[in-house]
Amino acid sequence: MLLPMNYESAQRLHPNSFKRRFGVRRDTFKRILKALKGQMPQPSGRGRKPSLSLEDRVLVALEYWRKYRTYFHLSTDWGVSESTICRIVHWVEDALMSSGLFRLPGKKRLIRRGSTMWICQWR
């Protein structure tokens, strides 16, 4: 029986397999976590606790960006609702962009390179 992918099982992947699965190297993953830790909303003590850790949330977003799987498929793999997956992906995107550590190259640079692919760059 295959166990679902989560942060603990992702850590056991060979570095090349991790990159193939999520589209980033482990050091980039750690930088993403560091950027998001300060932006994680503080629990108020009320309501239900989040079912996915910050690390799992980042993996969900990376998996979405890597394969553009539907929210439905991700939700069944991670055991949460489609709306939760949607909120996670949008929160991670917004938080990373507002952190200032990641940016997309400008249109001129993409045209100059002859590619329409986007690249994450560190400042």
PDB file of N, CA and C in Angstrom:
ATOM      1  N   MET A   1       0.841  -1.190   0.000  1.00  0.00           N
ATOM      2  CA  MET A   1       0.000   0.000   0.000  1.00  0.00           C
ATOM      3  C   MET A   1       0.877   1.241   0.000  1.00  0.00           C
ATOM      4  N   LEU A   2       0.589   2.168  -0.889  1.00  0.00           N
ATOM      5  CA  LEU A   2       1.345   3.401  -0.962  1.00  0.00           C
ATOM      6  C   LEU A   2       0.815   4.407   0.055  1.00  0.00           C
ATOM      7  N   LEU A   3       1.734   5.032   0.759  1.00  0.00           N
ATOM      8  CA  LEU A   3       1.346   6.077   1.690  1.00  0.00           C
ATOM      9  C   LEU A   3       1.327   7.404   0.956  1.00  0.00           C
ATOM     10  N   PRO A   4       0.414   8.301   1.329  1.00  0.00           N
ATOM     11  CA  PRO A   4       0.364   9.592   0.648  1.00  0.00           C
ATOM     12  C   PRO A   4       1.624  10.411   0.931  1.00  0.00           C
ATOM     13  N   MET A   5       1.956  11.272  -0.004  1.00  0.00           N
ATOM     14  CA  MET A   5       3.129  12.114   0.159  1.00  0.00           C
ATOM     15  C   MET A   5       2.832  13.182   1.206  1.00  0.00           C
ATOM     16  N   ASN A   6       3.758  13.361   2.121  1.00  0.00           N
ATOM     17  CA  ASN A   6       3.702  14.459   3.073  1.00  0.00           C
ATOM     18  C   ASN A   6       5.133  14.883   3.350  1.00  0.00           C
ATOM     19  N   TYR A   7       5.303  15.852   4.231  1.00  0.00           N
ATOM     20  CA  TYR A   7       6.631  16.395   4.490  1.00  0.00           C
ATOM     21  C   TYR A   7       7.604  15.318   4.962  1.00  0.00           C
ATOM     22  N   GLU A   8       7.145  14.451   5.856  1.00  0.00           N
ATOM     23  CA  GLU A   8       8.029  13.413   6.387  1.00  0.00           C
ATOM     24  C   GLU A   8       8.481  12.452   5.286  1.00  0.00           C
ATOM     25  N   SER A   9       7.567  12.029   4.447  1.00  0.00           N
ATOM     26  CA  SER A   9       7.946  11.106   3.375  1.00  0.00           C
ATOM     27  C   SER A   9       8.754  11.821   2.288  1.00  0.00           C
ATOM     28  N   ALA A  10       8.510  13.099   2.077  1.00  0.00           N
ATOM     29  CA  ALA A  10       9.282  13.862   1.091  1.00  0.00           C
ATOM     30  C   ALA A  10      10.734  13.997   1.519  1.00  0.00           C
ATOM     31  N   GLN A  11      10.978  14.045   2.826  1.00  0.00           N
ATOM     32  CA  GLN A  11      12.351  14.163   3.322  1.00  0.00           C
ATOM     33  C   GLN A  11      13.164  12.902   3.039  1.00  0.00           C
ATOM     34  N   ARG A  12      12.507  11.789   2.854  1.00  0.00           N
ATOM     35  CA  ARG A  12      13.208  10.534   2.577  1.00  0.00           C
ATOM     36  C   ARG A  12      13.544  10.373   1.093  1.00  0.00           C
ATOM     37  N   LEU A  13      13.025  11.260   0.250  1.00  0.00           N
ATOM     38  CA  LEU A  13      13.315  11.176  -1.179  1.00  0.00           C
ATOM     39  C   LEU A  13      14.760  11.564  -1.457  1.00  0.00           C
ATOM     40  N   HIS A  14      15.352  10.923  -2.424  1.00  0.00           N
ATOM     41  CA  HIS A  14      16.681  11.299  -2.908  1.00  0.00           C
ATOM     42  C   HIS A  14      16.580  12.733  -3.440  1.00  0.00           C
ATOM     43  N   PRO A  15      17.647  13.537  -3.317  1.00  0.00           N
ATOM     44  CA  PRO A  15      17.578  14.928  -3.791  1.00  0.00           C
ATOM     45  C   PRO A  15      17.084  15.071  -5.236  1.00  0.00           C
ATOM     46  N   ASN A  16      17.525  14.179  -6.119  1.00  0.00           N
ATOM     47  CA  ASN A  16      17.049  14.261  -7.509  1.00  0.00           C
ATOM     48  C   ASN A  16      15.560  13.937  -7.613  1.00  0.00           C
ATOM     49  N   SER A  17      15.085  12.979  -6.820  1.00  0.00           N
ATOM     50  CA  SER A  17      13.659  12.631  -6.822  1.00  0.00           C
ATOM     51  C   SER A  17      12.827  13.760  -6.236  1.00  0.00           C
ATOM     52  N   PHE A  18      13.342  14.421  -5.206  1.00  0.00           N
ATOM     53  CA  PHE A  18      12.642  15.570  -4.615  1.00  0.00           C
ATOM     54  C   PHE A  18      12.462  16.658  -5.674  1.00  0.00           C
ATOM     55  N   LYS A  19      13.526  16.949  -6.407  1.00  0.00           N
ATOM     56  CA  LYS A  19      13.460  17.970  -7.457  1.00  0.00           C
ATOM     57  C   LYS A  19      12.501  17.552  -8.560  1.00  0.00           C
ATOM     58  N   ARG A  20      12.523  16.287  -8.933  1.00  0.00           N
ATOM     59  CA  ARG A  20      11.604  15.804  -9.972  1.00  0.00           C
ATOM     60  C   ARG A  20      10.160  15.886  -9.514  1.00  0.00           C
ATOM     61  N   ARG A  21       9.906  15.588  -8.248  1.00  0.00           N
ATOM     62  CA  ARG A  21       8.536  15.562  -7.732  1.00  0.00           C
ATOM     63  C   ARG A  21       7.962  16.968  -7.558  1.00  0.00           C
ATOM     64  N   PHE A  22       8.762  17.878  -6.968  1.00  0.00           N
ATOM     65  CA  PHE A  22       8.232  19.189  -6.587  1.00  0.00           C
ATOM     66  C   PHE A  22       8.755  20.356  -7.420  1.00  0.00           C
ATOM     67  N   GLY A  23       9.757  20.116  -8.262  1.00  0.00           N
ATOM     68  CA  GLY A  23      10.221  21.168  -9.164  1.00  0.00           C
ATOM     69  C   GLY A  23      11.238  22.123  -8.573  1.00  0.00           C
ATOM     70  N   VAL A  24      11.640  21.932  -7.325  1.00  0.00           N
ATOM     71  CA  VAL A  24      12.653  22.779  -6.694  1.00  0.00           C
ATOM     72  C   VAL A  24      13.621  21.890  -5.912  1.00  0.00           C
ATOM     73  N   ARG A  25      14.823  22.414  -5.691  1.00  0.00           N
ATOM     74  CA  ARG A  25      15.778  21.691  -4.858  1.00  0.00           C
ATOM     75  C   ARG A  25      15.421  21.896  -3.387  1.00  0.00           C
ATOM     76  N   ARG A  26      15.971  21.050  -2.535  1.00  0.00           N
ATOM     77  CA  ARG A  26      15.676  21.138  -1.102  1.00  0.00           C
ATOM     78  C   ARG A  26      16.095  22.476  -0.509  1.00  0.00           C
ATOM     79  N   ASP A  27      17.214  23.026  -0.949  1.00  0.00           N
ATOM     80  CA  ASP A  27      17.637  24.310  -0.390  1.00  0.00           C
ATOM     81  C   ASP A  27      16.651  25.420  -0.751  1.00  0.00           C
ATOM     82  N   THR A  28      16.075  25.364  -1.936  1.00  0.00           N
ATOM     83  CA  THR A  28      15.042  26.336  -2.320  1.00  0.00           C
ATOM     84  C   THR A  28      13.793  26.130  -1.482  1.00  0.00           C
ATOM     85  N   PHE A  29      13.444  24.878  -1.244  1.00  0.00           N
ATOM     86  CA  PHE A  29      12.295  24.567  -0.388  1.00  0.00           C
ATOM     87  C   PHE A  29      12.503  25.162   1.009  1.00  0.00           C
ATOM     88  N   LYS A  30      13.698  25.022   1.549  1.00  0.00           N
ATOM     89  CA  LYS A  30      13.995  25.560   2.882  1.00  0.00           C
ATOM     90  C   LYS A  30      13.936  27.082   2.892  1.00  0.00           C
ATOM     91  N   ARG A  31      14.378  27.710   1.816  1.00  0.00           N
ATOM     92  CA  ARG A  31      14.283  29.177   1.710  1.00  0.00           C
ATOM     93  C   ARG A  31      12.823  29.632   1.659  1.00  0.00           C
ATOM     94  N   ILE A  32      12.010  28.872   0.942  1.00  0.00           N
ATOM     95  CA  ILE A  32      10.584  29.187   0.881  1.00  0.00           C
ATOM     96  C   ILE A  32       9.974  29.103   2.277  1.00  0.00           C
ATOM     97  N   LEU A  33      10.298  28.032   3.005  1.00  0.00           N
ATOM     98  CA  LEU A  33       9.783  27.881   4.371  1.00  0.00           C
ATOM     99  C   LEU A  33      10.199  29.046   5.252  1.00  0.00           C
ATOM    100  N   LYS A  34      11.463  29.429   5.148  1.00  0.00           N
ATOM    101  CA  LYS A  34      11.973  30.533   5.960  1.00  0.00           C
ATOM    102  C   LYS A  34      11.229  31.838   5.639  1.00  0.00           C
ATOM    103  N   ALA A  35      10.960  32.057   4.359  1.00  0.00           N
ATOM    104  CA  ALA A  35      10.246  33.273   3.948  1.00  0.00           C
ATOM    105  C   ALA A  35       8.808  33.278   4.461  1.00  0.00           C
ATOM    106  N   LEU A  36       8.185  32.093   4.537  1.00  0.00           N
ATOM    107  CA  LEU A  36       6.776  32.015   4.920  1.00  0.00           C
ATOM    108  C   LEU A  36       6.554  31.950   6.429  1.00  0.00           C
ATOM    109  N   LYS A  37       7.557  31.506   7.189  1.00  0.00           N
ATOM    110  CA  LYS A  37       7.363  31.346   8.636  1.00  0.00           C
ATOM    111  C   LYS A  37       6.952  32.640   9.311  1.00  0.00           C
ATOM    112  N   GLY A  38       7.524  33.749   8.883  1.00  0.00           N
ATOM    113  CA  GLY A  38       7.163  35.036   9.468  1.00  0.00           C
ATOM    114  C   GLY A  38       5.790  35.527   9.055  1.00  0.00           C
ATOM    115  N   GLN A  39       5.247  34.983   7.988  1.00  0.00           N
ATOM    116  CA  GLN A  39       3.954  35.432   7.481  1.00  0.00           C
ATOM    117  C   GLN A  39       2.817  34.492   7.837  1.00  0.00           C
ATOM    118  N   MET A  40       3.147  33.421   8.528  1.00  0.00           N
ATOM    119  CA  MET A  40       2.119  32.452   8.927  1.00  0.00           C
ATOM    120  C   MET A  40       1.167  33.107   9.913  1.00  0.00           C
ATOM    121  N   PRO A  41      -0.145  33.058   9.664  1.00  0.00           N
ATOM    122  CA  PRO A  41      -1.087  33.665  10.614  1.00  0.00           C
ATOM    123  C   PRO A  41      -1.020  32.970  11.971  1.00  0.00           C
ATOM    124  N   GLN A  42      -1.041  33.765  13.031  1.00  0.00           N
ATOM    125  CA  GLN A  42      -0.993  33.223  14.382  1.00  0.00           C
ATOM    126  C   GLN A  42      -2.370  32.682  14.765  1.00  0.00           C
ATOM    127  N   PRO A  43      -2.411  31.466  15.321  1.00  0.00           N
ATOM    128  CA  PRO A  43      -3.704  30.912  15.727  1.00  0.00           C
ATOM    129  C   PRO A  43      -4.295  31.722  16.881  1.00  0.00           C
ATOM    130  N   SER A  44      -5.581  31.938  16.813  1.00  0.00           N
ATOM    131  CA  SER A  44      -6.253  32.730  17.841  1.00  0.00           C
ATOM    132  C   SER A  44      -6.682  31.871  19.021  1.00  0.00           C
ATOM    133  N   GLY A  45      -6.540  30.576  18.911  1.00  0.00           N
ATOM    134  CA  GLY A  45      -6.989  29.686  19.970  1.00  0.00           C
ATOM    135  C   GLY A  45      -8.426  29.242  19.777  1.00  0.00           C
ATOM    136  N   ARG A  46      -9.107  29.875  18.861  1.00  0.00           N
ATOM    137  CA  ARG A  46     -10.484  29.510  18.556  1.00  0.00           C
ATOM    138  C   ARG A  46     -10.529  28.721  17.266  1.00  0.00           C
ATOM    139  N   GLY A  47     -11.541  27.933  17.135  1.00  0.00           N
ATOM    140  CA  GLY A  47     -11.745  27.200  15.896  1.00  0.00           C
ATOM    141  C   GLY A  47     -10.856  25.977  15.770  1.00  0.00           C
ATOM    142  N   ARG A  48     -10.964  25.385  14.625  1.00  0.00           N
ATOM    143  CA  ARG A  48     -10.238  24.150  14.342  1.00  0.00           C
ATOM    144  C   ARG A  48      -8.784  24.441  13.978  1.00  0.00           C
ATOM    145  N   LYS A  49      -7.887  23.594  14.425  1.00  0.00           N
ATOM    146  CA  LYS A  49      -6.480  23.746  14.085  1.00  0.00           C
ATOM    147  C   LYS A  49      -6.268  23.312  12.634  1.00  0.00           C
ATOM    148  N   PRO A  50      -5.307  23.937  11.960  1.00  0.00           N
ATOM    149  CA  PRO A  50      -5.045  23.548  10.565  1.00  0.00           C
ATOM    150  C   PRO A  50      -4.627  22.087  10.473  1.00  0.00           C
ATOM    151  N   SER A  51      -5.125  21.407   9.457  1.00  0.00           N
ATOM    152  CA  SER A  51      -4.805  19.990   9.307  1.00  0.00           C
ATOM    153  C   SER A  51      -3.466  19.773   8.606  1.00  0.00           C
ATOM    154  N   LEU A  52      -2.951  20.786   7.912  1.00  0.00           N
ATOM    155  CA  LEU A  52      -1.669  20.662   7.223  1.00  0.00           C
ATOM    156  C   LEU A  52      -0.655  21.629   7.822  1.00  0.00           C
ATOM    157  N   SER A  53       0.543  21.135   8.037  1.00  0.00           N
ATOM    158  CA  SER A  53       1.624  21.972   8.549  1.00  0.00           C
ATOM    159  C   SER A  53       2.077  22.942   7.459  1.00  0.00           C
ATOM    160  N   LEU A  54       2.889  23.903   7.846  1.00  0.00           N
ATOM    161  CA  LEU A  54       3.418  24.847   6.864  1.00  0.00           C
ATOM    162  C   LEU A  54       4.200  24.120   5.784  1.00  0.00           C
ATOM    163  N   GLU A  55       5.004  23.137   6.183  1.00  0.00           N
ATOM    164  CA  GLU A  55       5.786  22.369   5.221  1.00  0.00           C
ATOM    165  C   GLU A  55       4.882  21.648   4.227  1.00  0.00           C
ATOM    166  N   ASP A  56       3.805  21.046   4.729  1.00  0.00           N
ATOM    167  CA  ASP A  56       2.860  20.368   3.843  1.00  0.00           C
ATOM    168  C   ASP A  56       2.163  21.360   2.920  1.00  0.00           C
ATOM    169  N   ARG A  57       1.854  22.536   3.420  1.00  0.00           N
ATOM    170  CA  ARG A  57       1.208  23.556   2.584  1.00  0.00           C
ATOM    171  C   ARG A  57       2.105  23.963   1.429  1.00  0.00           C
ATOM    172  N   VAL A  58       3.388  24.129   1.720  1.00  0.00           N
ATOM    173  CA  VAL A  58       4.326  24.490   0.653  1.00  0.00           C
ATOM    174  C   VAL A  58       4.412  23.366  -0.366  1.00  0.00           C
ATOM    175  N   LEU A  59       4.447  22.124   0.093  1.00  0.00           N
ATOM    176  CA  LEU A  59       4.490  20.998  -0.839  1.00  0.00           C
ATOM    177  C   LEU A  59       3.240  20.944  -1.698  1.00  0.00           C
ATOM    178  N   VAL A  60       2.081  21.252  -1.127  1.00  0.00           N
ATOM    179  CA  VAL A  60       0.834  21.297  -1.903  1.00  0.00           C
ATOM    180  C   VAL A  60       0.957  22.327  -3.021  1.00  0.00           C
ATOM    181  N   ALA A  61       1.421  23.521  -2.685  1.00  0.00           N
ATOM    182  CA  ALA A  61       1.554  24.577  -3.686  1.00  0.00           C
ATOM    183  C   ALA A  61       2.572  24.195  -4.755  1.00  0.00           C
ATOM    184  N   LEU A  62       3.698  23.634  -4.333  1.00  0.00           N
ATOM    185  CA  LEU A  62       4.713  23.221  -5.304  1.00  0.00           C
ATOM    186  C   LEU A  62       4.177  22.147  -6.239  1.00  0.00           C
ATOM    187  N   GLU A  63       3.426  21.220  -5.679  1.00  0.00           N
ATOM    188  CA  GLU A  63       2.853  20.163  -6.507  1.00  0.00           C
ATOM    189  C   GLU A  63       1.840  20.739  -7.495  1.00  0.00           C
ATOM    190  N   TYR A  64       1.070  21.708  -7.056  1.00  0.00           N
ATOM    191  CA  TYR A  64       0.104  22.359  -7.951  1.00  0.00           C
ATOM    192  C   TYR A  64       0.843  23.073  -9.090  1.00  0.00           C
ATOM    193  N   TRP A  65       1.866  23.849  -8.757  1.00  0.00           N
ATOM    194  CA  TRP A  65       2.606  24.586  -9.786  1.00  0.00           C
ATOM    195  C   TRP A  65       3.364  23.647 -10.712  1.00  0.00           C
ATOM    196  N   ARG A  66       3.861  22.563 -10.179  1.00  0.00           N
ATOM    197  CA  ARG A  66       4.675  21.637 -10.968  1.00  0.00           C
ATOM    198  C   ARG A  66       3.850  20.914 -12.020  1.00  0.00           C
ATOM    199  N   LYS A  67       2.674  20.450 -11.644  1.00  0.00           N
ATOM    200  CA  LYS A  67       1.884  19.600 -12.535  1.00  0.00           C
ATOM    201  C   LYS A  67       0.548  20.204 -12.939  1.00  0.00           C
ATOM    202  N   TYR A  68       0.146  21.295 -12.301  1.00  0.00           N
ATOM    203  CA  TYR A  68      -1.172  21.888 -12.510  1.00  0.00           C
ATOM    204  C   TYR A  68      -2.284  20.855 -12.373  1.00  0.00           C
ATOM    205  N   ARG A  69      -2.142  20.039 -11.345  1.00  0.00           N
ATOM    206  CA  ARG A  69      -3.195  19.077 -11.049  1.00  0.00           C
ATOM    207  C   ARG A  69      -4.416  19.850 -10.546  1.00  0.00           C
ATOM    208  N   THR A  70      -5.569  19.260 -10.682  1.00  0.00           N
ATOM    209  CA  THR A  70      -6.775  19.945 -10.228  1.00  0.00           C
ATOM    210  C   THR A  70      -6.812  19.982  -8.702  1.00  0.00           C
ATOM    211  N   TYR A  71      -7.560  20.956  -8.188  1.00  0.00           N
ATOM    212  CA  TYR A  71      -7.737  21.047  -6.730  1.00  0.00           C
ATOM    213  C   TYR A  71      -8.370  19.759  -6.205  1.00  0.00           C
ATOM    214  N   PHE A  72      -9.236  19.158  -7.005  1.00  0.00           N
ATOM    215  CA  PHE A  72      -9.876  17.922  -6.585  1.00  0.00           C
ATOM    216  C   PHE A  72      -8.840  16.818  -6.348  1.00  0.00           C
ATOM    217  N   HIS A  73      -7.930  16.635  -7.307  1.00  0.00           N
ATOM    218  CA  HIS A  73      -6.916  15.585  -7.164  1.00  0.00           C
ATOM    219  C   HIS A  73      -6.009  15.855  -5.974  1.00  0.00           C
ATOM    220  N   LEU A  74      -5.593  17.106  -5.811  1.00  0.00           N
ATOM    221  CA  LEU A  74      -4.745  17.436  -4.663  1.00  0.00           C
ATOM    222  C   LEU A  74      -5.494  17.229  -3.350  1.00  0.00           C
ATOM    223  N   SER A  75      -6.761  17.594  -3.334  1.00  0.00           N
ATOM    224  CA  SER A  75      -7.533  17.469  -2.091  1.00  0.00           C
ATOM    225  C   SER A  75      -7.699  16.005  -1.682  1.00  0.00           C
ATOM    226  N   THR A  76      -7.878  15.122  -2.657  1.00  0.00           N
ATOM    227  CA  THR A  76      -8.011  13.713  -2.307  1.00  0.00           C
ATOM    228  C   THR A  76      -6.679  13.124  -1.847  1.00  0.00           C
ATOM    229  N   ASP A  77      -5.574  13.584  -2.422  1.00  0.00           N
ATOM    230  CA  ASP A  77      -4.257  13.103  -1.998  1.00  0.00           C
ATOM    231  C   ASP A  77      -3.874  13.609  -0.605  1.00  0.00           C
ATOM    232  N   TRP A  78      -4.231  14.834  -0.286  1.00  0.00           N
ATOM    233  CA  TRP A  78      -3.811  15.439   0.975  1.00  0.00           C
ATOM    234  C   TRP A  78      -4.877  15.358   2.067  1.00  0.00           C
ATOM    235  N   GLY A  79      -6.069  14.893   1.739  1.00  0.00           N
ATOM    236  CA  GLY A  79      -7.101  14.683   2.748  1.00  0.00           C
ATOM    237  C   GLY A  79      -7.760  15.944   3.265  1.00  0.00           C
ATOM    238  N   VAL A  80      -7.846  16.963   2.419  1.00  0.00           N
ATOM    239  CA  VAL A  80      -8.530  18.205   2.777  1.00  0.00           C
ATOM    240  C   VAL A  80      -9.478  18.575   1.641  1.00  0.00           C
ATOM    241  N   SER A  81     -10.283  19.604   1.837  1.00  0.00           N
ATOM    242  CA  SER A  81     -11.262  19.988   0.819  1.00  0.00           C
ATOM    243  C   SER A  81     -10.599  20.762  -0.329  1.00  0.00           C
ATOM    244  N   GLU A  82     -11.309  20.828  -1.437  1.00  0.00           N
ATOM    245  CA  GLU A  82     -10.823  21.591  -2.588  1.00  0.00           C
ATOM    246  C   GLU A  82     -10.646  23.058  -2.236  1.00  0.00           C
ATOM    247  N   SER A  83     -11.565  23.604  -1.458  1.00  0.00           N
ATOM    248  CA  SER A  83     -11.456  25.015  -1.095  1.00  0.00           C
ATOM    249  C   SER A  83     -10.231  25.264  -0.217  1.00  0.00           C
ATOM    250  N   THR A  84      -9.874  24.289   0.614  1.00  0.00           N
ATOM    251  CA  THR A  84      -8.674  24.420   1.433  1.00  0.00           C
ATOM    252  C   THR A  84      -7.434  24.437   0.545  1.00  0.00           C
ATOM    253  N   ILE A  85      -7.397  23.574  -0.451  1.00  0.00           N
ATOM    254  CA  ILE A  85      -6.271  23.558  -1.393  1.00  0.00           C
ATOM    255  C   ILE A  85      -6.178  24.904  -2.108  1.00  0.00           C
ATOM    256  N   CYS A  86      -7.291  25.425  -2.551  1.00  0.00           N
ATOM    257  CA  CYS A  86      -7.321  26.718  -3.235  1.00  0.00           C
ATOM    258  C   CYS A  86      -6.776  27.821  -2.325  1.00  0.00           C
ATOM    259  N   ARG A  87      -7.226  27.852  -1.083  1.00  0.00           N
ATOM    260  CA  ARG A  87      -6.748  28.870  -0.138  1.00  0.00           C
ATOM    261  C   ARG A  87      -5.249  28.723   0.117  1.00  0.00           C
ATOM    262  N   ILE A  88      -4.776  27.488   0.236  1.00  0.00           N
ATOM    263  CA  ILE A  88      -3.353  27.246   0.480  1.00  0.00           C
ATOM    264  C   ILE A  88      -2.516  27.768  -0.685  1.00  0.00           C
ATOM    265  N   VAL A  89      -2.884  27.397  -1.903  1.00  0.00           N
ATOM    266  CA  VAL A  89      -2.113  27.804  -3.082  1.00  0.00           C
ATOM    267  C   VAL A  89      -2.081  29.326  -3.192  1.00  0.00           C
ATOM    268  N   HIS A  90      -3.211  29.970  -3.021  1.00  0.00           N
ATOM    269  CA  HIS A  90      -3.265  31.432  -3.134  1.00  0.00           C
ATOM    270  C   HIS A  90      -2.491  32.103  -2.002  1.00  0.00           C
ATOM    271  N   TRP A  91      -2.573  31.575  -0.783  1.00  0.00           N
ATOM    272  CA  TRP A  91      -1.834  32.164   0.333  1.00  0.00           C
ATOM    273  C   TRP A  91      -0.327  32.050   0.115  1.00  0.00           C
ATOM    274  N   VAL A  92       0.135  30.871  -0.321  1.00  0.00           N
ATOM    275  CA  VAL A  92       1.569  30.678  -0.555  1.00  0.00           C
ATOM    276  C   VAL A  92       2.046  31.614  -1.660  1.00  0.00           C
ATOM    277  N   GLU A  93       1.294  31.720  -2.750  1.00  0.00           N
ATOM    278  CA  GLU A  93       1.663  32.632  -3.836  1.00  0.00           C
ATOM    279  C   GLU A  93       1.774  34.065  -3.341  1.00  0.00           C
ATOM    280  N   ASP A  94       0.738  34.542  -2.665  1.00  0.00           N
ATOM    281  CA  ASP A  94       0.716  35.915  -2.186  1.00  0.00           C
ATOM    282  C   ASP A  94       1.822  36.184  -1.174  1.00  0.00           C
ATOM    283  N   ALA A  95       2.032  35.251  -0.257  1.00  0.00           N
ATOM    284  CA  ALA A  95       3.045  35.439   0.775  1.00  0.00           C
ATOM    285  C   ALA A  95       4.451  35.456   0.177  1.00  0.00           C
ATOM    286  N   LEU A  96       4.715  34.595  -0.798  1.00  0.00           N
ATOM    287  CA  LEU A  96       6.033  34.581  -1.420  1.00  0.00           C
ATOM    288  C   LEU A  96       6.288  35.860  -2.212  1.00  0.00           C
ATOM    289  N   MET A  97       5.294  36.319  -2.930  1.00  0.00           N
ATOM    290  CA  MET A  97       5.468  37.549  -3.701  1.00  0.00           C
ATOM    291  C   MET A  97       5.659  38.756  -2.788  1.00  0.00           C
ATOM    292  N   SER A  98       4.928  38.796  -1.681  1.00  0.00           N
ATOM    293  CA  SER A  98       5.064  39.935  -0.774  1.00  0.00           C
ATOM    294  C   SER A  98       6.340  39.869   0.061  1.00  0.00           C
ATOM    295  N   SER A  99       6.978  38.700   0.135  1.00  0.00           N
ATOM    296  CA  SER A  99       8.219  38.584   0.897  1.00  0.00           C
ATOM    297  C   SER A  99       9.362  39.333   0.219  1.00  0.00           C
ATOM    298  N   GLY A 100       9.275  39.520  -1.083  1.00  0.00           N
ATOM    299  CA  GLY A 100      10.322  40.215  -1.813  1.00  0.00           C
ATOM    300  C   GLY A 100      11.519  39.338  -2.141  1.00  0.00           C
ATOM    301  N   LEU A 101      11.510  38.092  -1.734  1.00  0.00           N
ATOM    302  CA  LEU A 101      12.640  37.197  -1.992  1.00  0.00           C
ATOM    303  C   LEU A 101      12.547  36.515  -3.347  1.00  0.00           C
ATOM    304  N   PHE A 102      11.352  36.471  -3.899  1.00  0.00           N
ATOM    305  CA  PHE A 102      11.141  35.822  -5.186  1.00  0.00           C
ATOM    306  C   PHE A 102      10.545  36.840  -6.132  1.00  0.00           C
ATOM    307  N   ARG A 103      10.987  36.764  -7.382  1.00  0.00           N
ATOM    308  CA  ARG A 103      10.384  37.638  -8.378  1.00  0.00           C
ATOM    309  C   ARG A 103      10.450  36.952  -9.726  1.00  0.00           C
ATOM    310  N   LEU A 104       9.601  37.372 -10.608  1.00  0.00           N
ATOM    311  CA  LEU A 104       9.593  36.851 -11.964  1.00  0.00           C
ATOM    312  C   LEU A 104      10.379  37.809 -12.844  1.00  0.00           C
ATOM    313  N   PRO A 105      11.122  37.302 -13.829  1.00  0.00           N
ATOM    314  CA  PRO A 105      11.849  38.205 -14.714  1.00  0.00           C
ATOM    315  C   PRO A 105      10.873  39.015 -15.557  1.00  0.00           C
ATOM    316  N   GLY A 106      11.310  40.183 -15.967  1.00  0.00           N
ATOM    317  CA  GLY A 106      10.471  41.051 -16.790  1.00  0.00           C
ATOM    318  C   GLY A 106      10.286  40.503 -18.195  1.00  0.00           C
ATOM    319  N   LYS A 107       9.331  41.075 -18.883  1.00  0.00           N
ATOM    320  CA  LYS A 107       8.995  40.624 -20.233  1.00  0.00           C
ATOM    321  C   LYS A 107      10.190  40.762 -21.179  1.00  0.00           C
ATOM    322  N   LYS A 108      10.932  41.882 -21.071  1.00  0.00           N
ATOM    323  CA  LYS A 108      12.071  42.096 -21.959  1.00  0.00           C
ATOM    324  C   LYS A 108      13.129  41.007 -21.779  1.00  0.00           C
ATOM    325  N   ARG A 109      13.364  40.625 -20.541  1.00  0.00           N
ATOM    326  CA  ARG A 109      14.373  39.598 -20.275  1.00  0.00           C
ATOM    327  C   ARG A 109      13.931  38.248 -20.853  1.00  0.00           C
ATOM    328  N   LEU A 110      12.646  37.943 -20.734  1.00  0.00           N
ATOM    329  CA  LEU A 110      12.148  36.687 -21.292  1.00  0.00           C
ATOM    330  C   LEU A 110      12.262  36.676 -22.814  1.00  0.00           C
ATOM    331  N   ILE A 111      11.941  37.806 -23.430  1.00  0.00           N
ATOM    332  CA  ILE A 111      12.022  37.888 -24.892  1.00  0.00           C
ATOM    333  C   ILE A 111      13.476  37.779 -25.336  1.00  0.00           C
ATOM    334  N   ARG A 112      14.375  38.453 -24.601  1.00  0.00           N
ATOM    335  CA  ARG A 112      15.798  38.414 -24.920  1.00  0.00           C
ATOM    336  C   ARG A 112      16.330  36.982 -24.859  1.00  0.00           C
ATOM    337  N   ARG A 113      15.856  36.202 -23.908  1.00  0.00           N
ATOM    338  CA  ARG A 113      16.309  34.817 -23.770  1.00  0.00           C
ATOM    339  C   ARG A 113      15.631  33.899 -24.786  1.00  0.00           C
ATOM    340  N   GLY A 114      14.568  34.384 -25.432  1.00  0.00           N
ATOM    341  CA  GLY A 114      13.860  33.554 -26.394  1.00  0.00           C
ATOM    342  C   GLY A 114      13.012  32.478 -25.740  1.00  0.00           C
ATOM    343  N   SER A 115      12.602  32.728 -24.508  1.00  0.00           N
ATOM    344  CA  SER A 115      11.837  31.733 -23.767  1.00  0.00           C
ATOM    345  C   SER A 115      10.644  32.403 -23.116  1.00  0.00           C
ATOM    346  N   THR A 116       9.568  31.665 -22.988  1.00  0.00           N
ATOM    347  CA  THR A 116       8.405  32.184 -22.283  1.00  0.00           C
ATOM    348  C   THR A 116       8.261  31.554 -20.915  1.00  0.00           C
ATOM    349  N   MET A 117       9.276  30.776 -20.506  1.00  0.00           N
ATOM    350  CA  MET A 117       9.226  30.146 -19.180  1.00  0.00           C
ATOM    351  C   MET A 117       9.576  31.176 -18.121  1.00  0.00           C
ATOM    352  N   TRP A 118       8.949  31.071 -16.946  1.00  0.00           N
ATOM    353  CA  TRP A 118       9.287  31.965 -15.850  1.00  0.00           C
ATOM    354  C   TRP A 118      10.326  31.313 -14.954  1.00  0.00           C
ATOM    355  N   ILE A 119      11.099  32.147 -14.318  1.00  0.00           N
ATOM    356  CA  ILE A 119      12.191  31.674 -13.492  1.00  0.00           C
ATOM    357  C   ILE A 119      12.107  32.398 -12.142  1.00  0.00           C
ATOM    358  N   CYS A 120      12.219  31.663 -11.061  1.00  0.00           N
ATOM    359  CA  CYS A 120      12.311  32.276  -9.748  1.00  0.00           C
ATOM    360  C   CYS A 120      13.747  32.726  -9.541  1.00  0.00           C
ATOM    361  N   GLN A 121      13.910  33.925  -9.069  1.00  0.00           N
ATOM    362  CA  GLN A 121      15.238  34.433  -8.809  1.00  0.00           C
ATOM    363  C   GLN A 121      15.308  34.963  -7.401  1.00  0.00           C
ATOM    364  N   TRP A 122      16.476  34.782  -6.807  1.00  0.00           N
ATOM    365  CA  TRP A 122      16.722  35.318  -5.471  1.00  0.00           C
ATOM    366  C   TRP A 122      17.331  36.687  -5.604  1.00  0.00           C
ATOM    367  N   ARG A 123      16.918  37.568  -4.754  1.00  0.00           N
ATOM    368  CA  ARG A 123      17.529  38.896  -4.733  1.00  0.00           C
ATOM    369  C   ARG A 123      18.696  38.893  -3.808  1.00  0.00           C
TER     370      ARG A 123
END
